[in-house]
Structures are given as structure tokens and as C-alpha cells.
């Protein structure tokens, strides 16, 4: 099975089940979901190196610890339905510099997603806040996104 390498905040890409509406909501927020922004650039370089070695793409998730939609998307990524599509790691973090470089407009809402080749070339950058409302998207939407962009 093809998989994507994923990092929380800067995620490596790698399966989802269809759900009617809305992503699962965590019982409590993880206020340490994203490590400090100062390490994002180094984490992204590490993710790109890993992806190059494994011939995969990198999924970058830009979010914030206080963001409920970010918490829900993270919970979806770690669900039994989706986790097999992702080789998750905690290499990626939220960082405005990274979002700007990847052309993910944070003013459209978070989480913001981008997909990179292992050399750092952006192959997709979310432009319209497609994932910013966990109530409007379902597991099927996330699955379709991951399936579309995996290698």
C-alpha cells in the first residue's frame, strides 16, 4: 500500500474512511500539539530529507495549539481509518515563516495544508481555508485529499 509521510504541523504524507459530516472532536485539547515555532525550518528540512530517502511527499500542516479545527484534523490523522495512510512524525511545527514560504494564506483560517515534493517544491498549497472548519468536512474529505496527493 502506498503511504505518505506525515509530520504534525509539518506533516509527511501517506488512508481515510468516509464519514458523513464533521471530523471527530477530541475530549480535551492538546496544548502541546505543535512545538515551538523556532524549530519549524529545521523540522521541515528533516522531513524533506526523510521523504527523499523514502521517495515520498511531505504534507505540511500549519496550525495552532488553541485551534479546535487543528485538534480535530490531528485526531483524524491519527484515527485507525487514516493513520495507515500517514507515516506520522512530530518533525513539523506551526510557523508563520514556513506558511509564507509555502504560500499557505493563514488569513483564510487554520489548519492550512501544503504538499511538497521531497526537494521542497510545493505541489499544492491550500488557498481558501478548505480545512479550517472541522464541522464542514468529513473523514471522506480528508481521505480524498490524502489519496490525491500521495505518491
C-alpha atoms as a PDB file:
ATOM      1  CA  UNK A   1       0.000   0.000   0.000  1.00  0.00           C
ATOM      2  CA  UNK A   2       1.290   3.437  -0.867  1.00  0.00           C
ATOM      3  CA  UNK A   3       1.687   5.686   2.146  1.00  0.00           C
ATOM      4  CA  UNK A   4       2.588   9.281   2.797  1.00  0.00           C
ATOM      5  CA  UNK A   5       4.989  10.520   5.462  1.00  0.00           C
ATOM      6  CA  UNK A   6       3.294  12.993   7.864  1.00  0.00           C
ATOM      7  CA  UNK A   7       4.548  15.414  10.465  1.00  0.00           C
ATOM      8  CA  UNK A   8       2.285  17.243  12.922  1.00  0.00           C
ATOM      9  CA  UNK A   9       2.290  20.794  11.687  1.00  0.00           C
ATOM     10  CA  UNK A  10       4.787  19.933   9.030  1.00  0.00           C
ATOM     11  CA  UNK A  11       3.489  16.512   8.079  1.00  0.00           C
ATOM     12  CA  UNK A  12       4.860  13.804   5.799  1.00  0.00           C
ATOM     13  CA  UNK A  13       2.146  12.287   3.544  1.00  0.00           C
ATOM     14  CA  UNK A  14       0.967   8.795   3.435  1.00  0.00           C
ATOM     15  CA  UNK A  15      -5.846   6.336   4.287  1.00  0.00           C
ATOM     16  CA  UNK A  16      -9.325   7.579   5.481  1.00  0.00           C
ATOM     17  CA  UNK A  17     -12.888   6.118   5.738  1.00  0.00           C
ATOM     18  CA  UNK A  18     -15.900   8.043   4.564  1.00  0.00           C
ATOM     19  CA  UNK A  19     -17.784   9.889   7.249  1.00  0.00           C
ATOM     20  CA  UNK A  20     -20.985  11.829   6.861  1.00  0.00           C
ATOM     21  CA  UNK A  21     -20.161  15.236   8.307  1.00  0.00           C
ATOM     22  CA  UNK A  22     -17.593  16.714  10.578  1.00  0.00           C
ATOM     23  CA  UNK A  23     -14.328  15.414  11.934  1.00  0.00           C
ATOM     24  CA  UNK A  24     -14.080  13.788  15.347  1.00  0.00           C
ATOM     25  CA  UNK A  25     -13.658  16.180  18.248  1.00  0.00           C
ATOM     26  CA  UNK A  26     -11.056  15.490  20.931  1.00  0.00           C
ATOM     27  CA  UNK A  27     -12.282  15.246  24.516  1.00  0.00           C
ATOM     28  CA  UNK A  28      -9.597  17.752  25.511  1.00  0.00           C
ATOM     29  CA  UNK A  29      -7.225  19.999  23.587  1.00  0.00           C
ATOM     30  CA  UNK A  30      -3.570  19.058  23.365  1.00  0.00           C
ATOM     31  CA  UNK A  31      -1.893  22.365  24.141  1.00  0.00           C
ATOM     32  CA  UNK A  32       1.422  20.826  23.069  1.00  0.00           C
ATOM     33  CA  UNK A  33       0.193  19.674  19.658  1.00  0.00           C
ATOM     34  CA  UNK A  34       2.665  21.983  17.922  1.00  0.00           C
ATOM     35  CA  UNK A  35       6.150  22.508  19.359  1.00  0.00           C
ATOM     36  CA  UNK A  36       7.658  25.976  19.452  1.00  0.00           C
ATOM     37  CA  UNK A  37       7.762  27.787  16.101  1.00  0.00           C
ATOM     38  CA  UNK A  38      11.514  28.284  16.274  1.00  0.00           C
ATOM     39  CA  UNK A  39      12.203  24.721  15.151  1.00  0.00           C
ATOM     40  CA  UNK A  40       9.907  24.600  12.085  1.00  0.00           C
ATOM     41  CA  UNK A  41      12.540  25.307   9.426  1.00  0.00           C
ATOM     42  CA  UNK A  42      14.880  22.603  10.724  1.00  0.00           C
ATOM     43  CA  UNK A  43      11.983  20.165  11.089  1.00  0.00           C
ATOM     44  CA  UNK A  44      10.890  20.846   7.528  1.00  0.00           C
ATOM     45  CA  UNK A  45      14.417  20.180   6.231  1.00  0.00           C
ATOM     46  CA  UNK A  46      14.484  16.903   8.202  1.00  0.00           C
ATOM     47  CA  UNK A  47      11.090  15.913   6.783  1.00  0.00           C
ATOM     48  CA  UNK A  48      12.237  16.673   3.233  1.00  0.00           C
ATOM     49  CA  UNK A  49      15.395  14.583   3.738  1.00  0.00           C
ATOM     50  CA  UNK A  50      13.340  11.684   5.088  1.00  0.00           C
ATOM     51  CA  UNK A  51      10.852  11.976   2.224  1.00  0.00           C
ATOM     52  CA  UNK A  52      13.657  11.998  -0.353  1.00  0.00           C
ATOM     53  CA  UNK A  53      15.161   8.872   1.161  1.00  0.00           C
ATOM     54  CA  UNK A  54      11.760   7.127   1.240  1.00  0.00           C
ATOM     55  CA  UNK A  55      10.599   8.564  -2.132  1.00  0.00           C
ATOM     56  CA  UNK A  56       7.544  10.200  -0.593  1.00  0.00           C
ATOM     57  CA  UNK A  57       5.976  13.623  -0.408  1.00  0.00           C
ATOM     58  CA  UNK A  58       5.722  15.896   2.602  1.00  0.00           C
ATOM     59  CA  UNK A  59       2.366  17.065   3.987  1.00  0.00           C
ATOM     60  CA  UNK A  60       2.729  20.321   5.875  1.00  0.00           C
ATOM     61  CA  UNK A  61       0.044  21.261   8.402  1.00  0.00           C
ATOM     62  CA  UNK A  62       0.262  24.811   9.710  1.00  0.00           C
ATOM     63  CA  UNK A  63      -1.855  25.269  12.809  1.00  0.00           C
ATOM     64  CA  UNK A  64      -2.004  26.424  16.402  1.00  0.00           C
ATOM     65  CA  UNK A  65      -2.373  24.685  19.751  1.00  0.00           C
ATOM     66  CA  UNK A  66      -5.500  26.695  20.594  1.00  0.00           C
ATOM     67  CA  UNK A  67      -7.237  25.855  17.276  1.00  0.00           C
ATOM     68  CA  UNK A  68     -10.101  23.364  17.678  1.00  0.00           C
ATOM     69  CA  UNK A  69     -10.136  22.551  13.949  1.00  0.00           C
ATOM     70  CA  UNK A  70      -6.393  21.815  14.097  1.00  0.00           C
ATOM     71  CA  UNK A  71      -7.015  19.490  17.041  1.00  0.00           C
ATOM     72  CA  UNK A  72      -9.795  17.700  15.112  1.00  0.00           C
ATOM     73  CA  UNK A  73      -7.689  17.298  11.970  1.00  0.00           C
ATOM     74  CA  UNK A  74      -4.815  15.920  14.046  1.00  0.00           C
ATOM     75  CA  UNK A  75      -7.228  13.459  15.687  1.00  0.00           C
ATOM     76  CA  UNK A  76      -8.451  12.388  12.226  1.00  0.00           C
ATOM     77  CA  UNK A  77      -4.875  11.859  11.013  1.00  0.00           C
ATOM     78  CA  UNK A  78      -4.254   9.551  13.983  1.00  0.00           C
ATOM     79  CA  UNK A  79      -7.518   7.609  13.611  1.00  0.00           C
ATOM     80  CA  UNK A  80      -7.462   3.927  12.723  1.00  0.00           C
ATOM     81  CA  UNK A  81      -9.007   4.840   9.360  1.00  0.00           C
ATOM     82  CA  UNK A  82      -6.370   7.400   8.351  1.00  0.00           C
ATOM     83  CA  UNK A  83      -3.217   6.538  10.253  1.00  0.00           C
ATOM     84  CA  UNK A  84      -2.299   3.768   7.777  1.00  0.00           C
ATOM     85  CA  UNK A  85      -2.041   6.453   5.049  1.00  0.00           C
ATOM     86  CA  UNK A  86       0.392   8.537   7.052  1.00  0.00           C
ATOM     87  CA  UNK A  87       3.866   7.859   8.332  1.00  0.00           C
ATOM     88  CA  UNK A  88       3.366  10.368  11.122  1.00  0.00           C
ATOM     89  CA  UNK A  89       6.196  12.090  12.893  1.00  0.00           C
ATOM     90  CA  UNK A  90       6.461  15.141  15.079  1.00  0.00           C
ATOM     91  CA  UNK A  91       9.034  16.835  12.890  1.00  0.00           C
ATOM     92  CA  UNK A  92       6.788  19.639  11.655  1.00  0.00           C
ATOM     93  CA  UNK A  93       5.564  22.635  13.595  1.00  0.00           C
ATOM     94  CA  UNK A  94       3.448  25.737  13.173  1.00  0.00           C
ATOM     95  CA  UNK A  95       5.390  28.688  11.916  1.00  0.00           C
ATOM     96  CA  UNK A  96       4.351  31.802  10.012  1.00  0.00           C
ATOM     97  CA  UNK A  97       7.627  31.888   8.039  1.00  0.00           C
ATOM     98  CA  UNK A  98       7.005  28.353   6.799  1.00  0.00           C
ATOM     99  CA  UNK A  99       3.400  29.162   5.879  1.00  0.00           C
ATOM    100  CA  UNK A 100       4.517  32.214   3.907  1.00  0.00           C
ATOM    101  CA  UNK A 101       7.231  30.280   2.064  1.00  0.00           C
ATOM    102  CA  UNK A 102       4.705  27.587   1.152  1.00  0.00           C
ATOM    103  CA  UNK A 103       2.132  30.213   0.127  1.00  0.00           C
ATOM    104  CA  UNK A 104      -0.495  28.994   2.624  1.00  0.00           C
ATOM    105  CA  UNK A 105      -2.602  32.089   3.461  1.00  0.00           C
ATOM    106  CA  UNK A 106      -3.195  31.926   7.201  1.00  0.00           C
ATOM    107  CA  UNK A 107      -5.780  34.716   6.990  1.00  0.00           C
ATOM    108  CA  UNK A 108      -8.076  32.139   5.332  1.00  0.00           C
ATOM    109  CA  UNK A 109      -8.015  30.080   8.534  1.00  0.00           C
ATOM    110  CA  UNK A 110      -6.127  27.187  10.051  1.00  0.00           C
ATOM    111  CA  UNK A 111      -5.223  24.452   9.782  1.00  0.00           C
ATOM    112  CA  UNK A 112      -3.574  25.211   6.481  1.00  0.00           C
ATOM    113  CA  UNK A 113      -2.138  22.413   4.359  1.00  0.00           C
ATOM    114  CA  UNK A 114       0.569  22.150   1.741  1.00  0.00           C
ATOM    115  CA  UNK A 115       2.054  19.197  -0.093  1.00  0.00           C
ATOM    116  CA  UNK A 116       5.723  19.208  -1.058  1.00  0.00           C
ATOM    117  CA  UNK A 117       7.969  17.030  -3.126  1.00  0.00           C
ATOM    118  CA  UNK A 118      10.946  15.728  -1.184  1.00  0.00           C
ATOM    119  CA  UNK A 119      13.082  18.510  -2.707  1.00  0.00           C
ATOM    120  CA  UNK A 120      10.810  21.134  -1.140  1.00  0.00           C
ATOM    121  CA  UNK A 121       8.909  22.040  -4.330  1.00  0.00           C
ATOM    122  CA  UNK A 122       5.311  22.944  -3.478  1.00  0.00           C
ATOM    123  CA  UNK A 123       2.882  20.787  -5.473  1.00  0.00           C
ATOM    124  CA  UNK A 124      -0.217  22.014  -3.599  1.00  0.00           C
ATOM    125  CA  UNK A 125      -0.887  24.867  -1.210  1.00  0.00           C
ATOM    126  CA  UNK A 126      -4.353  25.335   0.248  1.00  0.00           C
ATOM    127  CA  UNK A 127      -5.616  28.782  -0.733  1.00  0.00           C
ATOM    128  CA  UNK A 128      -9.183  29.009   0.572  1.00  0.00           C
ATOM    129  CA  UNK A 129      -9.180  27.571   4.093  1.00  0.00           C
ATOM    130  CA  UNK A 130     -10.557  24.252   2.891  1.00  0.00           C
ATOM    131  CA  UNK A 131      -9.722  22.505   6.169  1.00  0.00           C
ATOM    132  CA  UNK A 132     -10.459  25.391   8.542  1.00  0.00           C
ATOM    133  CA  UNK A 133     -13.846  24.068   9.656  1.00  0.00           C
ATOM    134  CA  UNK A 134     -13.831  20.560  11.098  1.00  0.00           C
ATOM    135  CA  UNK A 135     -17.644  20.708  11.187  1.00  0.00           C
ATOM    136  CA  UNK A 136     -17.883  21.115   7.402  1.00  0.00           C
ATOM    137  CA  UNK A 137     -15.519  18.367   6.296  1.00  0.00           C
ATOM    138  CA  UNK A 138     -15.624  14.669   6.988  1.00  0.00           C
ATOM    139  CA  UNK A 139     -13.210  11.787   7.106  1.00  0.00           C
ATOM    140  CA  UNK A 140     -14.021  11.101   3.444  1.00  0.00           C
ATOM    141  CA  UNK A 141     -12.825  14.590   2.511  1.00  0.00           C
ATOM    142  CA  UNK A 142      -9.561  14.066   4.349  1.00  0.00           C
ATOM    143  CA  UNK A 143      -9.152  10.595   2.793  1.00  0.00           C
ATOM    144  CA  UNK A 144      -9.750  12.005  -0.693  1.00  0.00           C
ATOM    145  CA  UNK A 145      -7.131  14.713  -0.073  1.00  0.00           C
ATOM    146  CA  UNK A 146      -4.530  12.209   1.138  1.00  0.00           C
ATOM    147  CA  UNK A 147      -5.255   9.789  -1.701  1.00  0.00           C
ATOM    148  CA  UNK A 148      -4.988  12.557  -4.274  1.00  0.00           C
ATOM    149  CA  UNK A 149      -1.620  13.804  -3.102  1.00  0.00           C
ATOM    150  CA  UNK A 150       0.183  10.634  -2.074  1.00  0.00           C
ATOM    151  CA  UNK A 151       2.904   9.393  -4.333  1.00  0.00           C
END
